[in-house]
Amino acid sequence: MQSYVLAWAMIADREREIERELQRRSIARGLARRATRSPLAARLRHLFGLEASMPKRGVQDMEQPLTTGG
């Protein structure tokens, strides 16, 4: 009986540990996602040549698709 209770306690402890890890990863992923969308991150990516700058679009341009020159 005691080993049965101990086994359930170990399972519950492991479930809590997994839940904490999932929450930690979710928070880290959310922070990373926000960081990559920030204007500073975009500027740094552009400065280091990691991505091409996007052309600025006005409200009147929103109906028109973005086209690449060619």
PDB file of N, CA and C in Angstrom:
ATOM      1  N   MET A   1       0.830  -1.205   0.000  1.00  0.00           N
ATOM      2  CA  MET A   1       0.000   0.000   0.000  1.00  0.00           C
ATOM      3  C   MET A   1       0.870   1.264   0.000  1.00  0.00           C
ATOM      4  N   GLN A   2       1.924   1.218   0.804  1.00  0.00           N
ATOM      5  CA  GLN A   2       2.798   2.388   0.900  1.00  0.00           C
ATOM      6  C   GLN A   2       3.506   2.658  -0.436  1.00  0.00           C
ATOM      7  N   SER A   3       3.925   1.601  -1.130  1.00  0.00           N
ATOM      8  CA  SER A   3       4.605   1.798  -2.413  1.00  0.00           C
ATOM      9  C   SER A   3       3.637   2.358  -3.464  1.00  0.00           C
ATOM     10  N   TYR A   4       2.367   1.985  -3.358  1.00  0.00           N
ATOM     11  CA  TYR A   4       1.334   2.493  -4.254  1.00  0.00           C
ATOM     12  C   TYR A   4       1.179   4.003  -4.077  1.00  0.00           C
ATOM     13  N   VAL A   5       1.119   4.448  -2.837  1.00  0.00           N
ATOM     14  CA  VAL A   5       0.995   5.881  -2.531  1.00  0.00           C
ATOM     15  C   VAL A   5       2.254   6.619  -2.982  1.00  0.00           C
ATOM     16  N   LEU A   6       3.406   6.016  -2.744  1.00  0.00           N
ATOM     17  CA  LEU A   6       4.667   6.627  -3.151  1.00  0.00           C
ATOM     18  C   LEU A   6       4.734   6.769  -4.679  1.00  0.00           C
ATOM     19  N   ALA A   7       4.276   5.745  -5.386  1.00  0.00           N
ATOM     20  CA  ALA A   7       4.280   5.801  -6.851  1.00  0.00           C
ATOM     21  C   ALA A   7       3.393   6.934  -7.350  1.00  0.00           C
ATOM     22  N   TRP A   8       2.205   7.081  -6.768  1.00  0.00           N
ATOM     23  CA  TRP A   8       1.307   8.161  -7.185  1.00  0.00           C
ATOM     24  C   TRP A   8       1.896   9.529  -6.852  1.00  0.00           C
ATOM     25  N   ALA A   9       2.576   9.634  -5.710  1.00  0.00           N
ATOM     26  CA  ALA A   9       3.216  10.901  -5.336  1.00  0.00           C
ATOM     27  C   ALA A   9       4.325  11.249  -6.334  1.00  0.00           C
ATOM     28  N   MET A  10       5.081  10.240  -6.761  1.00  0.00           N
ATOM     29  CA  MET A  10       6.154  10.478  -7.731  1.00  0.00           C
ATOM     30  C   MET A  10       5.578  10.891  -9.085  1.00  0.00           C
ATOM     31  N   ILE A  11       4.480  10.256  -9.479  1.00  0.00           N
ATOM     32  CA  ILE A  11       3.827  10.611 -10.742  1.00  0.00           C
ATOM     33  C   ILE A  11       3.313  12.047 -10.686  1.00  0.00           C
ATOM     34  N   ALA A  12       2.662  12.410  -9.585  1.00  0.00           N
ATOM     35  CA  ALA A  12       2.138  13.772  -9.434  1.00  0.00           C
ATOM     36  C   ALA A  12       3.271  14.794  -9.448  1.00  0.00           C
ATOM     37  N   ASP A  13       4.381  14.458  -8.793  1.00  0.00           N
ATOM     38  CA  ASP A  13       5.535  15.357  -8.767  1.00  0.00           C
ATOM     39  C   ASP A  13       6.094  15.550 -10.177  1.00  0.00           C
ATOM     40  N   ARG A  14       6.191  14.469 -10.919  1.00  0.00           N
ATOM     41  CA  ARG A  14       6.702  14.549 -12.295  1.00  0.00           C
ATOM     42  C   ARG A  14       5.759  15.363 -13.182  1.00  0.00           C
ATOM     43  N   GLU A  15       4.447  15.203 -12.991  1.00  0.00           N
ATOM     44  CA  GLU A  15       3.482  15.989 -13.765  1.00  0.00           C
ATOM     45  C   GLU A  15       3.631  17.479 -13.482  1.00  0.00           C
ATOM     46  N   ARG A  16       3.834  17.837 -12.218  1.00  0.00           N
ATOM     47  CA  ARG A  16       4.039  19.252 -11.873  1.00  0.00           C
ATOM     48  C   ARG A  16       5.329  19.776 -12.502  1.00  0.00           C
ATOM     49  N   GLU A  17       6.365  18.948 -12.494  1.00  0.00           N
ATOM     50  CA  GLU A  17       7.642  19.333 -13.093  1.00  0.00           C
ATOM     51  C   GLU A  17       7.487  19.573 -14.605  1.00  0.00           C
ATOM     52  N   ILE A  18       6.770  18.691 -15.263  1.00  0.00           N
ATOM     53  CA  ILE A  18       6.526  18.836 -16.703  1.00  0.00           C
ATOM     54  C   ILE A  18       5.710  20.094 -16.975  1.00  0.00           C
ATOM     55  N   GLU A  19       4.699  20.341 -16.161  1.00  0.00           N
ATOM     56  CA  GLU A  19       3.859  21.534 -16.331  1.00  0.00           C
ATOM     57  C   GLU A  19       4.683  22.813 -16.176  1.00  0.00           C
ATOM     58  N   ARG A  20       5.563  22.849 -15.176  1.00  0.00           N
ATOM     59  CA  ARG A  20       6.436  24.015 -14.986  1.00  0.00           C
ATOM     60  C   ARG A  20       7.345  24.217 -16.196  1.00  0.00           C
ATOM     61  N   GLU A  21       7.901  23.127 -16.720  1.00  0.00           N
ATOM     62  CA  GLU A  21       8.781  23.225 -17.885  1.00  0.00           C
ATOM     63  C   GLU A  21       8.016  23.734 -19.107  1.00  0.00           C
ATOM     64  N   LEU A  22       6.811  23.239 -19.302  1.00  0.00           N
ATOM     65  CA  LEU A  22       6.001  23.706 -20.430  1.00  0.00           C
ATOM     66  C   LEU A  22       5.672  25.188 -20.295  1.00  0.00           C
ATOM     67  N   GLN A  23       5.354  25.628 -19.086  1.00  0.00           N
ATOM     68  CA  GLN A  23       5.075  27.053 -18.865  1.00  0.00           C
ATOM     69  C   GLN A  23       6.318  27.890 -19.129  1.00  0.00           C
ATOM     70  N   ARG A  24       7.473  27.411 -18.662  1.00  0.00           N
ATOM     71  CA  ARG A  24       8.725  28.140 -18.862  1.00  0.00           C
ATOM     72  C   ARG A  24       9.027  28.267 -20.354  1.00  0.00           C
ATOM     73  N   ARG A  25       8.859  27.180 -21.092  1.00  0.00           N
ATOM     74  CA  ARG A  25       9.118  27.221 -22.532  1.00  0.00           C
ATOM     75  C   ARG A  25       8.132  28.131 -23.249  1.00  0.00           C
ATOM     76  N   SER A  26       6.889  28.099 -22.811  1.00  0.00           N
ATOM     77  CA  SER A  26       5.871  28.944 -23.428  1.00  0.00           C
ATOM     78  C   SER A  26       6.200  30.414 -23.213  1.00  0.00           C
ATOM     79  N   ILE A  27       6.602  30.765 -21.995  1.00  0.00           N
ATOM     80  CA  ILE A  27       6.975  32.148 -21.690  1.00  0.00           C
ATOM     81  C   ILE A  27       8.197  32.547 -22.508  1.00  0.00           C
ATOM     82  N   ALA A  28       9.202  31.677 -22.552  1.00  0.00           N
ATOM     83  CA  ALA A  28      10.418  31.983 -23.308  1.00  0.00           C
ATOM     84  C   ALA A  28      10.104  32.148 -24.789  1.00  0.00           C
ATOM     85  N   ARG A  29       9.236  31.292 -25.315  1.00  0.00           N
ATOM     86  CA  ARG A  29       8.868  31.375 -26.726  1.00  0.00           C
ATOM     87  C   ARG A  29       8.121  32.679 -27.002  1.00  0.00           C
ATOM     88  N   GLY A  30       7.232  33.060 -26.092  1.00  0.00           N
ATOM     89  CA  GLY A  30       6.495  34.316 -26.245  1.00  0.00           C
ATOM     90  C   GLY A  30       7.417  35.519 -26.209  1.00  0.00           C
ATOM     91  N   LEU A  31       8.386  35.491 -25.289  1.00  0.00           N
ATOM     92  CA  LEU A  31       9.342  36.598 -25.208  1.00  0.00           C
ATOM     93  C   LEU A  31      10.199  36.655 -26.462  1.00  0.00           C
ATOM     94  N   ALA A  32      10.626  35.507 -26.950  1.00  0.00           N
ATOM     95  CA  ALA A  32      11.444  35.479 -28.164  1.00  0.00           C
ATOM     96  C   ALA A  32      10.643  35.978 -29.357  1.00  0.00           C
ATOM     97  N   ARG A  33       9.380  35.595 -29.425  1.00  0.00           N
ATOM     98  CA  ARG A  33       8.535  36.025 -30.541  1.00  0.00           C
ATOM     99  C   ARG A  33       8.363  37.538 -30.512  1.00  0.00           C
ATOM    100  N   ARG A  34       8.116  38.091 -29.324  1.00  0.00           N
ATOM    101  CA  ARG A  34       7.967  39.549 -29.216  1.00  0.00           C
ATOM    102  C   ARG A  34       9.275  40.248 -29.565  1.00  0.00           C
ATOM    103  N   ALA A  35      10.391  39.677 -29.134  1.00  0.00           N
ATOM    104  CA  ALA A  35      11.690  40.297 -29.397  1.00  0.00           C
ATOM    105  C   ALA A  35      11.985  40.332 -30.892  1.00  0.00           C
ATOM    106  N   THR A  36      11.591  39.286 -31.609  1.00  0.00           N
ATOM    107  CA  THR A  36      11.888  39.269 -33.042  1.00  0.00           C
ATOM    108  C   THR A  36      10.971  40.193 -33.818  1.00  0.00           C
ATOM    109  N   ARG A  37       9.863  40.616 -33.219  1.00  0.00           N
ATOM    110  CA  ARG A  37       8.950  41.522 -33.915  1.00  0.00           C
ATOM    111  C   ARG A  37       9.196  42.983 -33.561  1.00  0.00           C
ATOM    112  N   SER A  38      10.101  43.234 -32.632  1.00  0.00           N
ATOM    113  CA  SER A  38      10.310  44.617 -32.205  1.00  0.00           C
ATOM    114  C   SER A  38      11.020  45.411 -33.301  1.00  0.00           C
ATOM    115  N   PRO A  39      10.778  46.716 -33.358  1.00  0.00           N
ATOM    116  CA  PRO A  39      11.458  47.560 -34.358  1.00  0.00           C
ATOM    117  C   PRO A  39      12.980  47.497 -34.232  1.00  0.00           C
ATOM    118  N   LEU A  40      13.481  47.441 -32.993  1.00  0.00           N
ATOM    119  CA  LEU A  40      14.926  47.364 -32.798  1.00  0.00           C
ATOM    120  C   LEU A  40      15.471  46.061 -33.382  1.00  0.00           C
ATOM    121  N   ALA A  41      14.787  44.951 -33.121  1.00  0.00           N
ATOM    122  CA  ALA A  41      15.240  43.668 -33.659  1.00  0.00           C
ATOM    123  C   ALA A  41      15.219  43.689 -35.186  1.00  0.00           C
ATOM    124  N   ALA A  42      14.191  44.283 -35.759  1.00  0.00           N
ATOM    125  CA  ALA A  42      14.104  44.375 -37.218  1.00  0.00           C
ATOM    126  C   ALA A  42      15.256  45.215 -37.763  1.00  0.00           C
ATOM    127  N   ARG A  43      15.556  46.315 -37.082  1.00  0.00           N
ATOM    128  CA  ARG A  43      16.655  47.190 -37.527  1.00  0.00           C
ATOM    129  C   ARG A  43      17.993  46.463 -37.437  1.00  0.00           C
ATOM    130  N   LEU A  44      18.203  45.717 -36.354  1.00  0.00           N
ATOM    131  CA  LEU A  44      19.455  44.978 -36.203  1.00  0.00           C
ATOM    132  C   LEU A  44      19.587  43.892 -37.270  1.00  0.00           C
ATOM    133  N   ARG A  45      18.493  43.193 -37.546  1.00  0.00           N
ATOM    134  CA  ARG A  45      18.532  42.174 -38.603  1.00  0.00           C
ATOM    135  C   ARG A  45      18.884  42.822 -39.935  1.00  0.00           C
ATOM    136  N   HIS A  46      18.317  43.999 -40.195  1.00  0.00           N
ATOM    137  CA  HIS A  46      18.606  44.707 -41.440  1.00  0.00           C
ATOM    138  C   HIS A  46      20.071  45.154 -41.486  1.00  0.00           C
ATOM    139  N   LEU A  47      20.560  45.707 -40.376  1.00  0.00           N
ATOM    140  CA  LEU A  47      21.943  46.184 -40.336  1.00  0.00           C
ATOM    141  C   LEU A  47      22.939  45.062 -40.576  1.00  0.00           C
ATOM    142  N   PHE A  48      22.656  43.889 -40.034  1.00  0.00           N
ATOM    143  CA  PHE A  48      23.576  42.770 -40.184  1.00  0.00           C
ATOM    144  C   PHE A  48      23.282  41.927 -41.420  1.00  0.00           C
ATOM    145  N   GLY A  49      22.376  42.408 -42.260  1.00  0.00           N
ATOM    146  CA  GLY A  49      22.100  41.728 -43.515  1.00  0.00           C
ATOM    147  C   GLY A  49      21.336  40.429 -43.373  1.00  0.00           C
ATOM    148  N   LEU A  50      20.619  40.275 -42.276  1.00  0.00           N
ATOM    149  CA  LEU A  50      19.877  39.035 -42.067  1.00  0.00           C
ATOM    150  C   LEU A  50      18.537  39.042 -42.779  1.00  0.00           C
ATOM    151  N   GLU A  51      18.086  40.197 -43.176  1.00  0.00           N
ATOM    152  CA  GLU A  51      16.845  40.282 -43.950  1.00  0.00           C
ATOM    153  C   GLU A  51      16.818  41.604 -44.697  1.00  0.00           C
ATOM    154  N   ALA A  52      16.109  41.623 -45.786  1.00  0.00           N
ATOM    155  CA  ALA A  52      15.951  42.855 -46.551  1.00  0.00           C
ATOM    156  C   ALA A  52      14.911  43.723 -45.866  1.00  0.00           C
ATOM    157  N   SER A  53      15.075  45.024 -45.978  1.00  0.00           N
ATOM    158  CA  SER A  53      14.090  45.910 -45.366  1.00  0.00           C
ATOM    159  C   SER A  53      12.794  45.859 -46.163  1.00  0.00           C
ATOM    160  N   MET A  54      11.705  45.957 -45.466  1.00  0.00           N
ATOM    161  CA  MET A  54      10.399  45.965 -46.119  1.00  0.00           C
ATOM    162  C   MET A  54      10.077  47.394 -46.528  1.00  0.00           C
ATOM    163  N   PRO A  55       9.508  47.581 -47.711  1.00  0.00           N
ATOM    164  CA  PRO A  55       9.120  48.937 -48.101  1.00  0.00           C
ATOM    165  C   PRO A  55       7.986  49.437 -47.212  1.00  0.00           C
ATOM    166  N   LYS A  56       8.023  50.703 -46.913  1.00  0.00           N
ATOM    167  CA  LYS A  56       6.950  51.282 -46.102  1.00  0.00           C
ATOM    168  C   LYS A  56       5.696  51.374 -46.956  1.00  0.00           C
ATOM    169  N   ARG A  57       4.570  51.080 -46.334  1.00  0.00           N
ATOM    170  CA  ARG A  57       3.305  51.115 -47.072  1.00  0.00           C
ATOM    171  C   ARG A  57       2.337  52.036 -46.357  1.00  0.00           C
ATOM    172  N   GLY A  58       1.675  52.856 -47.120  1.00  0.00           N
ATOM    173  CA  GLY A  58       0.650  53.723 -46.563  1.00  0.00           C
ATOM    174  C   GLY A  58      -0.691  53.019 -46.542  1.00  0.00           C
ATOM    175  N   VAL A  59      -1.664  53.644 -45.908  1.00  0.00           N
ATOM    176  CA  VAL A  59      -3.000  53.062 -45.832  1.00  0.00           C
ATOM    177  C   VAL A  59      -3.572  52.858 -47.225  1.00  0.00           C
ATOM    178  N   GLN A  60      -3.332  53.823 -48.134  1.00  0.00           N
ATOM    179  CA  GLN A  60      -3.886  53.711 -49.481  1.00  0.00           C
ATOM    180  C   GLN A  60      -3.279  52.535 -50.251  1.00  0.00           C
ATOM    181  N   ASP A  61      -2.120  52.050 -49.835  1.00  0.00           N
ATOM    182  CA  ASP A  61      -1.466  50.941 -50.527  1.00  0.00           C
ATOM    183  C   ASP A  61      -1.944  49.571 -50.060  1.00  0.00           C
ATOM    184  N   MET A  62      -2.710  49.524 -49.005  1.00  0.00           N
ATOM    185  CA  MET A  62      -3.064  48.236 -48.422  1.00  0.00           C
ATOM    186  C   MET A  62      -3.876  47.346 -49.359  1.00  0.00           C
ATOM    187  N   GLU A  63      -4.591  47.935 -50.302  1.00  0.00           N
ATOM    188  CA  GLU A  63      -5.359  47.116 -51.240  1.00  0.00           C
ATOM    189  C   GLU A  63      -4.455  46.509 -52.307  1.00  0.00           C
ATOM    190  N   GLN A  64      -3.295  47.133 -52.522  1.00  0.00           N
ATOM    191  CA  GLN A  64      -2.376  46.669 -53.560  1.00  0.00           C
ATOM    192  C   GLN A  64      -1.407  45.645 -52.973  1.00  0.00           C
ATOM    193  N   PRO A  65      -1.153  44.557 -53.677  1.00  0.00           N
ATOM    194  CA  PRO A  65      -0.175  43.580 -53.168  1.00  0.00           C
ATOM    195  C   PRO A  65       1.239  44.138 -53.284  1.00  0.00           C
ATOM    196  N   LEU A  66       2.108  43.660 -52.418  1.00  0.00           N
ATOM    197  CA  LEU A  66       3.515  44.042 -52.525  1.00  0.00           C
ATOM    198  C   LEU A  66       4.096  43.365 -53.756  1.00  0.00           C
ATOM    199  N   THR A  67       4.851  44.097 -54.535  1.00  0.00           N
ATOM    200  CA  THR A  67       5.479  43.505 -55.718  1.00  0.00           C
ATOM    201  C   THR A  67       6.971  43.712 -55.619  1.00  0.00           C
ATOM    202  N   THR A  68       7.703  42.780 -56.176  1.00  0.00           N
ATOM    203  CA  THR A  68       9.150  42.946 -56.217  1.00  0.00           C
ATOM    204  C   THR A  68       9.504  43.507 -57.581  1.00  0.00           C
ATOM    205  N   GLY A  69      10.497  44.357 -57.604  1.00  0.00           N
ATOM    206  CA  GLY A  69      10.899  44.961 -58.871  1.00  0.00           C
ATOM    207  C   GLY A  69      11.421  43.901 -59.833  1.00  0.00           C
ATOM    208  N   GLY A  70      11.171  44.096 -61.107  1.00  0.00           N
ATOM    209  CA  GLY A  70      11.696  43.086 -62.013  1.00  0.00           C
ATOM    210  C   GLY A  70      11.125  43.259 -63.315  1.00  0.00           C
TER     211      GLY A  70
END
